[in-house]
Amino acid sequence: MGRFEPTGPVDVPGLEHSVVNLSWGVLRGAAGPSDGTAGAGSNVPSALGVLRHAEVYRNCPQEIEEAFDVLEQHVIKDGQLYPVALATLPFLFATLRKVSPISERIADLIALYASAASTLEAPLSDRLLQIVGDHSADIVRWWGRYDCALAALAVYAPGLRTLYLAAVEGAERVEPEVLLALIELGEAPGDTTAYAYAMLDGADSSEVQRLAGAAFLARFGQHSPEQLARIDAALPPTARGTLRKVVRFWNPNLSRPVVAPKLYDAEVLFTGKKLVVVKAGNRSVTLPWEGAEVAAGDRLQVGLTTHGQPKLAVVTDWKGNVRVIDF
């Protein structure tokens, strides 16, 4: 990108208006002006030009990577979105209307901007999400191609949700990120509950499918004791981190089913200021128990989750008094 000189006003036919004239020098990004006067890493129009002609640059992948560097480090940096994003979005949407080897990365970039919209001042944030909503008809066609970016935009852009939920309702199958987006939206349209059970129980289901199905059913499934126990068993403590890597653009709203822990007879092995170690069955368990009034050798009952996480301790003293400590 260093070979590009600073950019003046740019005429771009074929967007929402016949001609868009932008003064990139007054549009601010992380490095300052966005016309390249602050260095090649701030030359947004040149970066957009490379992406728009990605086929031409197919044999020059470094040029494409440098273009994405500008759009990922100048338009947004360390989670902070800058005003130049509002001028950048229409160009990205226009680029997606043609076949391109980098279309999925562009869709992800749009989702990244939307996910950080709240870091802008309120009027700019609202306008950015309105731009996304104005492109709803184009975005909903991403179904089956850019499902992760589409799901993220449905989560962040209210103007897209009606069309997104309609697409889900008519779908014959859904991806895990769809179920996770529906949790955020508080909706379970169409046959999504049935699809979630199929993911949870399917012999060929991947780990991510089982986790997403269980997370969805924890919110929308049948909550009989047996079903809750199945869902709980399918959601290990690492589930949130795994699902966060799937959706990428938000932290999944994972609620664990309320399931009674299994009680084990246990012996205290060690007590500290903030923890107690007990032997429950054939395992050693650390309890986050600050100020515990127990000593090594004491007997008590410990309630553990399906995944061996401590939930409570039941202590009976020599007088028969019972104390229940929740963790």
C-alpha atoms as a PDB file:
ATOM      1  CA  MET A   1       0.000   0.000   0.000  1.00  0.00           C
ATOM      2  CA  GLY A   2       2.983   2.294   0.382  1.00  0.00           C
ATOM      3  CA  ARG A   3       3.000   3.029  -3.364  1.00  0.00           C
ATOM      4  CA  PHE A   4      -0.333   4.838  -3.125  1.00  0.00           C
ATOM      5  CA  GLU A   5      -0.297   8.610  -2.868  1.00  0.00           C
ATOM      6  CA  PRO A   6      -2.785  10.482  -0.650  1.00  0.00           C
ATOM      7  CA  THR A   7      -6.286  10.287  -2.091  1.00  0.00           C
ATOM      8  CA  GLY A   8      -8.477  13.240  -2.995  1.00  0.00           C
ATOM      9  CA  PRO A   9     -12.247  13.211  -3.547  1.00  0.00           C
ATOM     10  CA  VAL A  10     -13.477   9.925  -5.016  1.00  0.00           C
ATOM     11  CA  ASP A  11     -16.322   9.497  -7.501  1.00  0.00           C
ATOM     12  CA  VAL A  12     -17.892   6.060  -7.236  1.00  0.00           C
ATOM     13  CA  PRO A  13     -20.752   5.253  -9.648  1.00  0.00           C
ATOM     14  CA  GLY A  14     -23.164   2.451  -8.876  1.00  0.00           C
ATOM     15  CA  LEU A  15     -23.743   2.807  -5.164  1.00  0.00           C
ATOM     16  CA  GLU A  16     -26.989   3.962  -3.488  1.00  0.00           C
ATOM     17  CA  HIS A  17     -26.707   7.285  -5.326  1.00  0.00           C
ATOM     18  CA  SER A  18     -25.431   7.844  -8.839  1.00  0.00           C
ATOM     19  CA  VAL A  19     -22.241   9.482  -7.522  1.00  0.00           C
ATOM     20  CA  VAL A  20     -20.745   9.519  -4.064  1.00  0.00           C
ATOM     21  CA  ASN A  21     -18.250  12.303  -3.460  1.00  0.00           C
ATOM     22  CA  LEU A  22     -16.289  11.898  -0.264  1.00  0.00           C
ATOM     23  CA  SER A  23     -13.543  14.006   1.271  1.00  0.00           C
ATOM     24  CA  TRP A  24     -11.557  11.266   2.968  1.00  0.00           C
ATOM     25  CA  GLY A  25      -9.254  13.784   4.593  1.00  0.00           C
ATOM     26  CA  VAL A  26     -11.980  14.852   7.028  1.00  0.00           C
ATOM     27  CA  LEU A  27     -13.067  11.295   7.851  1.00  0.00           C
ATOM     28  CA  ARG A  28     -11.197  10.180  10.943  1.00  0.00           C
ATOM     29  CA  GLY A  29      -9.735   6.792  11.709  1.00  0.00           C
ATOM     30  CA  ALA A  30      -7.303   5.438  14.275  1.00  0.00           C
ATOM     31  CA  ALA A  31      -4.316   7.135  12.590  1.00  0.00           C
ATOM     32  CA  GLY A  32      -6.116  10.388  11.788  1.00  0.00           C
ATOM     33  CA  PRO A  33      -7.274  11.386   8.266  1.00  0.00           C
ATOM     34  CA  SER A  34      -8.278   8.527   6.005  1.00  0.00           C
ATOM     35  CA  ASP A  35      -6.868   9.785   2.699  1.00  0.00           C
ATOM     36  CA  GLY A  36      -3.323   8.498   3.194  1.00  0.00           C
ATOM     37  CA  THR A  37      -1.802  11.752   4.423  1.00  0.00           C
ATOM     38  CA  ALA A  38      -1.142   9.990   7.744  1.00  0.00           C
ATOM     39  CA  GLY A  39       0.652   7.173   5.916  1.00  0.00           C
ATOM     40  CA  ALA A  40      -0.256   4.286   3.626  1.00  0.00           C
ATOM     41  CA  GLY A  41      -1.879   2.490   6.549  1.00  0.00           C
ATOM     42  CA  SER A  42      -4.588   5.154   6.618  1.00  0.00           C
ATOM     43  CA  ASN A  43      -5.394   5.208   2.887  1.00  0.00           C
ATOM     44  CA  VAL A  44      -8.927   3.821   3.038  1.00  0.00           C
ATOM     45  CA  PRO A  45      -9.975   4.549  -0.589  1.00  0.00           C
ATOM     46  CA  SER A  46      -6.906   2.778  -1.943  1.00  0.00           C
ATOM     47  CA  ALA A  47      -7.621  -0.199   0.319  1.00  0.00           C
ATOM     48  CA  LEU A  48     -11.236  -0.301  -0.845  1.00  0.00           C
ATOM     49  CA  GLY A  49     -10.049  -0.138  -4.459  1.00  0.00           C
ATOM     50  CA  VAL A  50      -7.848  -3.196  -3.952  1.00  0.00           C
ATOM     51  CA  LEU A  51     -10.715  -5.179  -2.441  1.00  0.00           C
ATOM     52  CA  ARG A  52     -13.095  -4.119  -5.186  1.00  0.00           C
ATOM     53  CA  HIS A  53     -10.656  -5.475  -7.780  1.00  0.00           C
ATOM     54  CA  ALA A  54      -9.498  -8.507  -5.835  1.00  0.00           C
ATOM     55  CA  GLU A  55      -9.425 -10.648  -8.987  1.00  0.00           C
ATOM     56  CA  VAL A  56      -6.818  -8.314 -10.461  1.00  0.00           C
ATOM     57  CA  TYR A  57      -4.745  -8.658  -7.292  1.00  0.00           C
ATOM     58  CA  ARG A  58      -5.180 -12.430  -6.997  1.00  0.00           C
ATOM     59  CA  ASN A  59      -1.506 -12.965  -7.801  1.00  0.00           C
ATOM     60  CA  CYS A  60      -0.497 -10.200  -5.383  1.00  0.00           C
ATOM     61  CA  PRO A  61      -1.915 -11.480  -2.093  1.00  0.00           C
ATOM     62  CA  GLN A  62       0.256  -9.078  -0.119  1.00  0.00           C
ATOM     63  CA  GLU A  63      -1.650  -6.150  -1.616  1.00  0.00           C
ATOM     64  CA  ILE A  64      -4.928  -7.688  -0.448  1.00  0.00           C
ATOM     65  CA  GLU A  65      -3.574  -8.320   3.034  1.00  0.00           C
ATOM     66  CA  GLU A  66      -2.318  -4.740   3.295  1.00  0.00           C
ATOM     67  CA  ALA A  67      -5.742  -3.498   2.226  1.00  0.00           C
ATOM     68  CA  PHE A  68      -7.406  -5.520   4.976  1.00  0.00           C
ATOM     69  CA  ASP A  69      -4.794  -4.204   7.429  1.00  0.00           C
ATOM     70  CA  VAL A  70      -5.978  -0.657   6.697  1.00  0.00           C
ATOM     71  CA  LEU A  71      -9.642  -1.578   7.132  1.00  0.00           C
ATOM     72  CA  GLU A  72      -8.998  -3.648  10.276  1.00  0.00           C
ATOM     73  CA  GLN A  73      -6.492  -1.338  11.996  1.00  0.00           C
ATOM     74  CA  HIS A  74      -7.391   2.182  10.868  1.00  0.00           C
ATOM     75  CA  VAL A  75     -11.182   1.998  10.593  1.00  0.00           C
ATOM     76  CA  ILE A  76     -11.282  -0.027  13.816  1.00  0.00           C
ATOM     77  CA  LYS A  77      -8.537  -0.539  16.369  1.00  0.00           C
ATOM     78  CA  ASP A  78      -8.546  -2.385  19.691  1.00  0.00           C
ATOM     79  CA  GLY A  79     -12.320  -2.673  19.567  1.00  0.00           C
ATOM     80  CA  GLN A  80     -12.846   1.067  18.970  1.00  0.00           C
ATOM     81  CA  LEU A  81     -14.679   1.950  15.743  1.00  0.00           C
ATOM     82  CA  TYR A  82     -13.965   5.282  14.057  1.00  0.00           C
ATOM     83  CA  PRO A  83     -16.294   7.593  12.068  1.00  0.00           C
ATOM     84  CA  VAL A  84     -14.720   6.671   8.728  1.00  0.00           C
ATOM     85  CA  ALA A  85     -16.579   3.336   9.075  1.00  0.00           C
ATOM     86  CA  LEU A  86     -19.809   5.048   7.985  1.00  0.00           C
ATOM     87  CA  ALA A  87     -18.259   6.030   4.656  1.00  0.00           C
ATOM     88  CA  THR A  88     -16.537   2.658   4.272  1.00  0.00           C
ATOM     89  CA  LEU A  89     -19.626   0.466   4.684  1.00  0.00           C
ATOM     90  CA  PRO A  90     -21.395   1.373   1.393  1.00  0.00           C
ATOM     91  CA  PHE A  91     -18.244   0.530  -0.548  1.00  0.00           C
ATOM     92  CA  LEU A  92     -17.972  -2.848   1.188  1.00  0.00           C
ATOM     93  CA  PHE A  93     -21.597  -3.671   0.426  1.00  0.00           C
ATOM     94  CA  ALA A  94     -21.087  -2.659  -3.211  1.00  0.00           C
ATOM     95  CA  THR A  95     -18.034  -4.920  -3.456  1.00  0.00           C
ATOM     96  CA  LEU A  96     -20.045  -7.869  -2.122  1.00  0.00           C
ATOM     97  CA  ARG A  97     -22.555  -7.573  -4.959  1.00  0.00           C
ATOM     98  CA  LYS A  98     -20.020  -9.067  -7.361  1.00  0.00           C
ATOM     99  CA  VAL A  99     -18.303 -12.431  -7.193  1.00  0.00           C
ATOM    100  CA  SER A 100     -15.034 -12.115  -5.354  1.00  0.00           C
ATOM    101  CA  PRO A 101     -12.533 -14.538  -3.789  1.00  0.00           C
ATOM    102  CA  ILE A 102     -12.568 -12.432  -0.612  1.00  0.00           C
ATOM    103  CA  SER A 103     -16.330 -12.017  -0.185  1.00  0.00           C
ATOM    104  CA  GLU A 104     -16.478 -13.925   3.099  1.00  0.00           C
ATOM    105  CA  ARG A 105     -13.743 -11.778   4.625  1.00  0.00           C
ATOM    106  CA  ILE A 106     -15.610  -8.640   3.566  1.00  0.00           C
ATOM    107  CA  ALA A 107     -18.815  -9.938   5.138  1.00  0.00           C
ATOM    108  CA  ASP A 108     -16.881 -10.625   8.340  1.00  0.00           C
ATOM    109  CA  LEU A 109     -15.451  -7.107   8.231  1.00  0.00           C
ATOM    110  CA  ILE A 110     -18.943  -5.613   8.027  1.00  0.00           C
ATOM    111  CA  ALA A 111     -20.002  -7.761  10.979  1.00  0.00           C
ATOM    112  CA  LEU A 112     -16.926  -6.604  12.910  1.00  0.00           C
ATOM    113  CA  TYR A 113     -17.872  -2.955  12.373  1.00  0.00           C
ATOM    114  CA  ALA A 114     -21.460  -3.597  13.468  1.00  0.00           C
ATOM    115  CA  SER A 115     -20.282  -5.412  16.584  1.00  0.00           C
ATOM    116  CA  ALA A 116     -18.314  -2.307  17.612  1.00  0.00           C
ATOM    117  CA  ALA A 117     -20.977   0.253  16.636  1.00  0.00           C
ATOM    118  CA  SER A 118     -21.656   1.096  20.281  1.00  0.00           C
ATOM    119  CA  THR A 119     -18.133   2.528  20.621  1.00  0.00           C
ATOM    120  CA  LEU A 120     -19.120   5.431  18.341  1.00  0.00           C
ATOM    121  CA  GLU A 121     -21.045   8.457  19.558  1.00  0.00           C
ATOM    122  CA  ALA A 122     -24.757   7.616  19.717  1.00  0.00           C
ATOM    123  CA  PRO A 123     -25.855   9.439  16.492  1.00  0.00           C
ATOM    124  CA  LEU A 124     -23.042   7.834  14.507  1.00  0.00           C
ATOM    125  CA  SER A 125     -23.744   4.419  16.012  1.00  0.00           C
ATOM    126  CA  ASP A 126     -27.425   4.687  15.112  1.00  0.00           C
ATOM    127  CA  ARG A 127     -26.556   5.787  11.585  1.00  0.00           C
ATOM    128  CA  LEU A 128     -24.121   2.911  11.075  1.00  0.00           C
ATOM    129  CA  LEU A 129     -26.709   0.343  12.151  1.00  0.00           C
ATOM    130  CA  GLN A 130     -29.274   2.086   9.942  1.00  0.00           C
ATOM    131  CA  ILE A 131     -26.926   1.640   6.966  1.00  0.00           C
ATOM    132  CA  VAL A 132     -26.804  -2.071   7.781  1.00  0.00           C
ATOM    133  CA  GLY A 133     -30.599  -2.182   8.038  1.00  0.00           C
ATOM    134  CA  ASP A 134     -30.934  -0.371   4.694  1.00  0.00           C
ATOM    135  CA  HIS A 135     -29.022  -3.274   3.107  1.00  0.00           C
ATOM    136  CA  SER A 136     -31.221  -5.957   4.703  1.00  0.00           C
ATOM    137  CA  ALA A 137     -32.417  -7.340   1.368  1.00  0.00           C
ATOM    138  CA  ASP A 138     -28.805  -7.913   0.280  1.00  0.00           C
ATOM    139  CA  ILE A 139     -27.627  -9.193   3.656  1.00  0.00           C
ATOM    140  CA  VAL A 140     -30.329 -11.837   4.081  1.00  0.00           C
ATOM    141  CA  ARG A 141     -29.093 -13.408   0.827  1.00  0.00           C
ATOM    142  CA  TRP A 142     -25.910 -14.293   2.696  1.00  0.00           C
ATOM    143  CA  TRP A 143     -27.847 -17.229   4.163  1.00  0.00           C
ATOM    144  CA  GLY A 144     -25.914 -20.426   3.614  1.00  0.00           C
ATOM    145  CA  ARG A 145     -22.746 -18.566   2.570  1.00  0.00           C
ATOM    146  CA  TYR A 146     -21.744 -16.159   5.328  1.00  0.00           C
ATOM    147  CA  ASP A 147     -23.865 -17.481   8.184  1.00  0.00           C
ATOM    148  CA  CYS A 148     -21.583 -16.263  10.949  1.00  0.00           C
ATOM    149  CA  ALA A 149     -21.498 -12.656   9.712  1.00  0.00           C
ATOM    150  CA  LEU A 150     -25.236 -12.757   8.966  1.00  0.00           C
ATOM    151  CA  ALA A 151     -26.043 -13.985  12.472  1.00  0.00           C
ATOM    152  CA  ALA A 152     -23.885 -11.255  14.020  1.00  0.00           C
ATOM    153  CA  LEU A 153     -25.598  -8.537  12.002  1.00  0.00           C
ATOM    154  CA  ALA A 154     -29.006  -9.865  13.093  1.00  0.00           C
ATOM    155  CA  VAL A 155     -27.835  -9.603  16.710  1.00  0.00           C
ATOM    156  CA  TYR A 156     -26.538  -6.035  16.394  1.00  0.00           C
ATOM    157  CA  ALA A 157     -28.758  -4.400  13.744  1.00  0.00           C
ATOM    158  CA  PRO A 158     -32.465  -4.244  14.674  1.00  0.00           C
ATOM    159  CA  GLY A 159     -33.415  -3.312  11.108  1.00  0.00           C
ATOM    160  CA  LEU A 160     -32.322  -6.726   9.841  1.00  0.00           C
ATOM    161  CA  ARG A 161     -34.106  -8.926  12.373  1.00  0.00           C
ATOM    162  CA  THR A 162     -37.518  -9.257  10.708  1.00  0.00           C
ATOM    163  CA  LEU A 163     -36.022 -10.592   7.485  1.00  0.00           C
ATOM    164  CA  TYR A 164     -33.555 -12.765   9.364  1.00  0.00           C
ATOM    165  CA  LEU A 165     -36.250 -14.423  11.480  1.00  0.00           C
ATOM    166  CA  ALA A 166     -38.318 -14.999   8.328  1.00  0.00           C
ATOM    167  CA  ALA A 167     -35.322 -16.707   6.709  1.00  0.00           C
ATOM    168  CA  VAL A 168     -34.852 -18.911   9.778  1.00  0.00           C
ATOM    169  CA  GLU A 169     -38.537 -19.795   9.882  1.00  0.00           C
ATOM    170  CA  GLY A 170     -38.461 -21.079   6.310  1.00  0.00           C
ATOM    171  CA  ALA A 171     -35.116 -22.871   6.590  1.00  0.00           C
ATOM    172  CA  GLU A 172     -34.800 -26.635   6.155  1.00  0.00           C
ATOM    173  CA  ARG A 173     -31.628 -26.680   8.266  1.00  0.00           C
ATOM    174  CA  VAL A 174     -29.687 -24.223  10.405  1.00  0.00           C
ATOM    175  CA  GLU A 175     -26.075 -23.776  11.423  1.00  0.00           C
ATOM    176  CA  PRO A 176     -24.955 -23.610  15.085  1.00  0.00           C
ATOM    177  CA  GLU A 177     -24.390 -19.850  14.885  1.00  0.00           C
ATOM    178  CA  VAL A 178     -28.045 -19.410  13.898  1.00  0.00           C
ATOM    179  CA  LEU A 179     -29.216 -21.086  17.105  1.00  0.00           C
ATOM    180  CA  LEU A 180     -26.825 -18.942  19.135  1.00  0.00           C
ATOM    181  CA  ALA A 181     -28.096 -15.757  17.470  1.00  0.00           C
ATOM    182  CA  LEU A 182     -31.693 -16.756  18.213  1.00  0.00           C
ATOM    183  CA  ILE A 183     -30.824 -17.030  21.913  1.00  0.00           C
ATOM    184  CA  GLU A 184     -29.728 -13.384  21.796  1.00  0.00           C
ATOM    185  CA  LEU A 185     -32.904 -12.403  19.935  1.00  0.00           C
ATOM    186  CA  GLY A 186     -35.170 -14.365  22.286  1.00  0.00           C
ATOM    187  CA  GLU A 187     -36.894 -16.132  19.378  1.00  0.00           C
ATOM    188  CA  ALA A 188     -37.358 -19.761  18.319  1.00  0.00           C
ATOM    189  CA  PRO A 189     -39.074 -19.549  14.926  1.00  0.00           C
ATOM    190  CA  GLY A 190     -40.028 -22.416  12.643  1.00  0.00           C
ATOM    191  CA  ASP A 191     -38.562 -25.823  13.386  1.00  0.00           C
ATOM    192  CA  THR A 192     -35.483 -24.544  15.205  1.00  0.00           C
ATOM    193  CA  THR A 193     -36.289 -26.458  18.397  1.00  0.00           C
ATOM    194  CA  ALA A 194     -36.470 -29.708  16.431  1.00  0.00           C
ATOM    195  CA  TYR A 195     -33.190 -28.866  14.697  1.00  0.00           C
ATOM    196  CA  ALA A 196     -31.590 -28.222  18.085  1.00  0.00           C
ATOM    197  CA  TYR A 197     -32.686 -31.632  19.399  1.00  0.00           C
ATOM    198  CA  ALA A 198     -31.299 -33.218  16.228  1.00  0.00           C
ATOM    199  CA  MET A 199     -27.950 -31.517  16.869  1.00  0.00           C
ATOM    200  CA  LEU A 200     -27.944 -32.586  20.510  1.00  0.00           C
ATOM    201  CA  ASP A 201     -28.814 -36.224  19.801  1.00  0.00           C
ATOM    202  CA  GLY A 202     -27.380 -36.784  16.321  1.00  0.00           C
ATOM    203  CA  ALA A 203     -24.843 -39.573  16.058  1.00  0.00           C
ATOM    204  CA  ASP A 204     -22.953 -37.551  13.442  1.00  0.00           C
ATOM    205  CA  SER A 205     -23.206 -34.201  15.251  1.00  0.00           C
ATOM    206  CA  SER A 206     -19.969 -32.322  15.877  1.00  0.00           C
ATOM    207  CA  GLU A 207     -18.993 -31.009  19.291  1.00  0.00           C
ATOM    208  CA  VAL A 208     -20.016 -27.492  18.255  1.00  0.00           C
ATOM    209  CA  GLN A 209     -23.422 -28.695  17.037  1.00  0.00           C
ATOM    210  CA  ARG A 210     -24.076 -30.488  20.329  1.00  0.00           C
ATOM    211  CA  LEU A 211     -23.029 -27.451  22.341  1.00  0.00           C
ATOM    212  CA  ALA A 212     -25.143 -25.065  20.272  1.00  0.00           C
ATOM    213  CA  GLY A 213     -28.139 -27.404  20.393  1.00  0.00           C
ATOM    214  CA  ALA A 214     -27.852 -27.750  24.172  1.00  0.00           C
ATOM    215  CA  ALA A 215     -27.439 -23.990  24.681  1.00  0.00           C
ATOM    216  CA  PHE A 216     -30.532 -23.313  22.565  1.00  0.00           C
ATOM    217  CA  LEU A 217     -32.602 -25.953  24.346  1.00  0.00           C
ATOM    218  CA  ALA A 218     -31.566 -24.591  27.739  1.00  0.00           C
ATOM    219  CA  ARG A 219     -33.558 -21.518  26.703  1.00  0.00           C
ATOM    220  CA  PHE A 220     -36.326 -22.908  24.496  1.00  0.00           C
ATOM    221  CA  GLY A 221     -36.494 -26.700  25.016  1.00  0.00           C
ATOM    222  CA  GLN A 222     -38.713 -28.916  27.140  1.00  0.00           C
ATOM    223  CA  HIS A 223     -37.641 -28.468  30.742  1.00  0.00           C
ATOM    224  CA  SER A 224     -38.573 -31.735  32.356  1.00  0.00           C
ATOM    225  CA  PRO A 225     -36.013 -32.971  34.925  1.00  0.00           C
ATOM    226  CA  GLU A 226     -34.790 -35.603  32.482  1.00  0.00           C
ATOM    227  CA  GLN A 227     -34.360 -33.119  29.643  1.00  0.00           C
ATOM    228  CA  LEU A 228     -32.626 -30.599  31.876  1.00  0.00           C
ATOM    229  CA  ALA A 229     -30.192 -33.281  33.018  1.00  0.00           C
ATOM    230  CA  ARG A 230     -29.387 -34.162  29.372  1.00  0.00           C
ATOM    231  CA  ILE A 231     -28.857 -30.517  28.462  1.00  0.00           C
ATOM    232  CA  ASP A 232     -26.685 -29.906  31.509  1.00  0.00           C
ATOM    233  CA  ALA A 233     -24.564 -32.950  30.713  1.00  0.00           C
ATOM    234  CA  ALA A 234     -23.961 -31.593  27.193  1.00  0.00           C
ATOM    235  CA  LEU A 235     -22.690 -28.221  28.450  1.00  0.00           C
ATOM    236  CA  PRO A 236     -19.234 -28.579  30.030  1.00  0.00           C
ATOM    237  CA  PRO A 237     -17.610 -25.579  31.752  1.00  0.00           C
ATOM    238  CA  THR A 238     -15.649 -24.892  28.552  1.00  0.00           C
ATOM    239  CA  ALA A 239     -18.832 -24.495  26.471  1.00  0.00           C
ATOM    240  CA  ARG A 240     -18.969 -20.689  26.549  1.00  0.00           C
ATOM    241  CA  GLY A 241     -15.384 -20.317  25.351  1.00  0.00           C
ATOM    242  CA  THR A 242     -15.893 -22.844  22.566  1.00  0.00           C
ATOM    243  CA  LEU A 243     -19.088 -21.182  21.355  1.00  0.00           C
ATOM    244  CA  ARG A 244     -17.456 -17.739  21.547  1.00  0.00           C
ATOM    245  CA  LYS A 245     -14.944 -18.937  18.954  1.00  0.00           C
ATOM    246  CA  VAL A 246     -17.834 -20.079  16.744  1.00  0.00           C
ATOM    247  CA  VAL A 247     -19.779 -16.803  16.689  1.00  0.00           C
ATOM    248  CA  ARG A 248     -16.651 -14.607  16.958  1.00  0.00           C
ATOM    249  CA  PHE A 249     -18.552 -11.315  17.116  1.00  0.00           C
ATOM    250  CA  TRP A 250     -20.366 -11.581  20.461  1.00  0.00           C
ATOM    251  CA  ASN A 251     -20.257 -13.422  23.773  1.00  0.00           C
ATOM    252  CA  PRO A 252     -22.930 -16.134  23.710  1.00  0.00           C
ATOM    253  CA  ASN A 253     -25.687 -15.781  26.269  1.00  0.00           C
ATOM    254  CA  LEU A 254     -25.301 -19.236  27.776  1.00  0.00           C
ATOM    255  CA  SER A 255     -27.620 -20.105  30.661  1.00  0.00           C
ATOM    256  CA  ARG A 256     -27.028 -23.380  32.446  1.00  0.00           C
ATOM    257  CA  PRO A 257     -30.086 -25.447  33.404  1.00  0.00           C
ATOM    258  CA  VAL A 258     -30.945 -25.615  37.077  1.00  0.00           C
ATOM    259  CA  VAL A 259     -30.188 -29.238  37.946  1.00  0.00           C
ATOM    260  CA  ALA A 260     -29.851 -30.590  41.458  1.00  0.00           C
ATOM    261  CA  PRO A 261     -26.208 -31.512  42.158  1.00  0.00           C
ATOM    262  CA  LYS A 262     -25.303 -35.049  43.144  1.00  0.00           C
ATOM    263  CA  LEU A 263     -24.305 -35.337  46.809  1.00  0.00           C
ATOM    264  CA  TYR A 264     -21.116 -37.169  47.751  1.00  0.00           C
ATOM    265  CA  ASP A 265     -19.791 -38.083  51.193  1.00  0.00           C
ATOM    266  CA  ALA A 266     -16.465 -36.290  51.509  1.00  0.00           C
ATOM    267  CA  GLU A 267     -13.526 -35.900  53.863  1.00  0.00           C
ATOM    268  CA  VAL A 268     -11.697 -32.612  54.373  1.00  0.00           C
ATOM    269  CA  LEU A 269      -8.054 -32.911  53.304  1.00  0.00           C
ATOM    270  CA  PHE A 270      -6.922 -29.293  53.614  1.00  0.00           C
ATOM    271  CA  THR A 271      -8.280 -25.915  54.674  1.00  0.00           C
ATOM    272  CA  GLY A 272      -6.934 -22.513  53.670  1.00  0.00           C
ATOM    273  CA  LYS A 273      -8.085 -18.926  54.007  1.00  0.00           C
ATOM    274  CA  LYS A 274     -10.091 -19.004  50.785  1.00  0.00           C
ATOM    275  CA  LEU A 275     -10.483 -22.670  49.864  1.00  0.00           C
ATOM    276  CA  VAL A 276     -11.051 -26.164  51.159  1.00  0.00           C
ATOM    277  CA  VAL A 277      -9.863 -29.369  49.498  1.00  0.00           C
ATOM    278  CA  VAL A 278     -11.957 -32.487  50.039  1.00  0.00           C
ATOM    279  CA  LYS A 279     -11.880 -36.064  48.830  1.00  0.00           C
ATOM    280  CA  ALA A 280     -15.257 -36.969  47.347  1.00  0.00           C
ATOM    281  CA  GLY A 281     -15.379 -40.562  46.139  1.00  0.00           C
ATOM    282  CA  ASN A 282     -12.206 -41.121  44.156  1.00  0.00           C
ATOM    283  CA  ARG A 283     -11.618 -37.479  43.270  1.00  0.00           C
ATOM    284  CA  SER A 284     -10.074 -34.472  44.951  1.00  0.00           C
ATOM    285  CA  VAL A 285     -12.275 -31.368  44.781  1.00  0.00           C
ATOM    286  CA  THR A 286     -11.360 -27.764  45.583  1.00  0.00           C
ATOM    287  CA  LEU A 287     -14.171 -25.746  47.169  1.00  0.00           C
ATOM    288  CA  PRO A 288     -14.085 -21.901  46.922  1.00  0.00           C
ATOM    289  CA  TRP A 289     -14.953 -21.662  50.607  1.00  0.00           C
ATOM    290  CA  GLU A 290     -13.571 -18.599  52.361  1.00  0.00           C
ATOM    291  CA  GLY A 291     -13.574 -18.676  56.153  1.00  0.00           C
ATOM    292  CA  ALA A 292     -14.657 -22.311  56.357  1.00  0.00           C
ATOM    293  CA  GLU A 293     -15.110 -23.605  59.888  1.00  0.00           C
ATOM    294  CA  VAL A 294     -13.928 -27.127  59.134  1.00  0.00           C
ATOM    295  CA  ALA A 295     -10.642 -28.932  59.717  1.00  0.00           C
ATOM    296  CA  ALA A 296      -8.729 -31.770  58.109  1.00  0.00           C
ATOM    297  CA  GLY A 297     -10.460 -35.076  58.831  1.00  0.00           C
ATOM    298  CA  ASP A 298     -13.975 -33.598  59.132  1.00  0.00           C
ATOM    299  CA  ARG A 299     -16.743 -35.341  57.209  1.00  0.00           C
ATOM    300  CA  LEU A 300     -19.363 -33.523  55.152  1.00  0.00           C
ATOM    301  CA  GLN A 301     -21.424 -33.848  51.999  1.00  0.00           C
ATOM    302  CA  VAL A 302     -20.477 -32.075  48.787  1.00  0.00           C
ATOM    303  CA  GLY A 303     -22.838 -31.423  45.890  1.00  0.00           C
ATOM    304  CA  LEU A 304     -21.169 -31.662  42.465  1.00  0.00           C
ATOM    305  CA  THR A 305     -22.491 -30.891  39.000  1.00  0.00           C
ATOM    306  CA  THR A 306     -22.428 -33.399  36.159  1.00  0.00           C
ATOM    307  CA  HIS A 307     -19.014 -32.007  35.253  1.00  0.00           C
ATOM    308  CA  GLY A 308     -17.578 -32.216  38.754  1.00  0.00           C
ATOM    309  CA  GLN A 309     -17.953 -28.536  39.650  1.00  0.00           C
ATOM    310  CA  PRO A 310     -18.775 -27.845  43.323  1.00  0.00           C
ATOM    311  CA  LYS A 311     -22.209 -26.313  43.959  1.00  0.00           C
ATOM    312  CA  LEU A 312     -22.735 -26.703  47.703  1.00  0.00           C
ATOM    313  CA  ALA A 313     -21.504 -28.281  50.924  1.00  0.00           C
ATOM    314  CA  VAL A 314     -23.666 -29.700  53.694  1.00  0.00           C
ATOM    315  CA  VAL A 315     -22.088 -29.679  57.152  1.00  0.00           C
ATOM    316  CA  THR A 316     -23.656 -31.374  60.191  1.00  0.00           C
ATOM    317  CA  ASP A 317     -22.108 -30.516  63.555  1.00  0.00           C
ATOM    318  CA  TRP A 318     -22.007 -32.721  66.661  1.00  0.00           C
ATOM    319  CA  LYS A 319     -25.303 -31.245  67.887  1.00  0.00           C
ATOM    320  CA  GLY A 320     -27.075 -32.243  64.671  1.00  0.00           C
ATOM    321  CA  ASN A 321     -27.289 -28.693  63.309  1.00  0.00           C
ATOM    322  CA  VAL A 322     -27.101 -28.585  59.503  1.00  0.00           C
ATOM    323  CA  ARG A 323     -25.491 -25.803  57.464  1.00  0.00           C
ATOM    324  CA  VAL A 324     -25.723 -25.542  53.683  1.00  0.00           C
ATOM    325  CA  ILE A 325     -23.009 -23.486  51.956  1.00  0.00           C
ATOM    326  CA  ASP A 326     -23.623 -22.443  48.341  1.00  0.00           C
ATOM    327  CA  PHE A 327     -20.689 -21.823  46.007  1.00  0.00           C
END
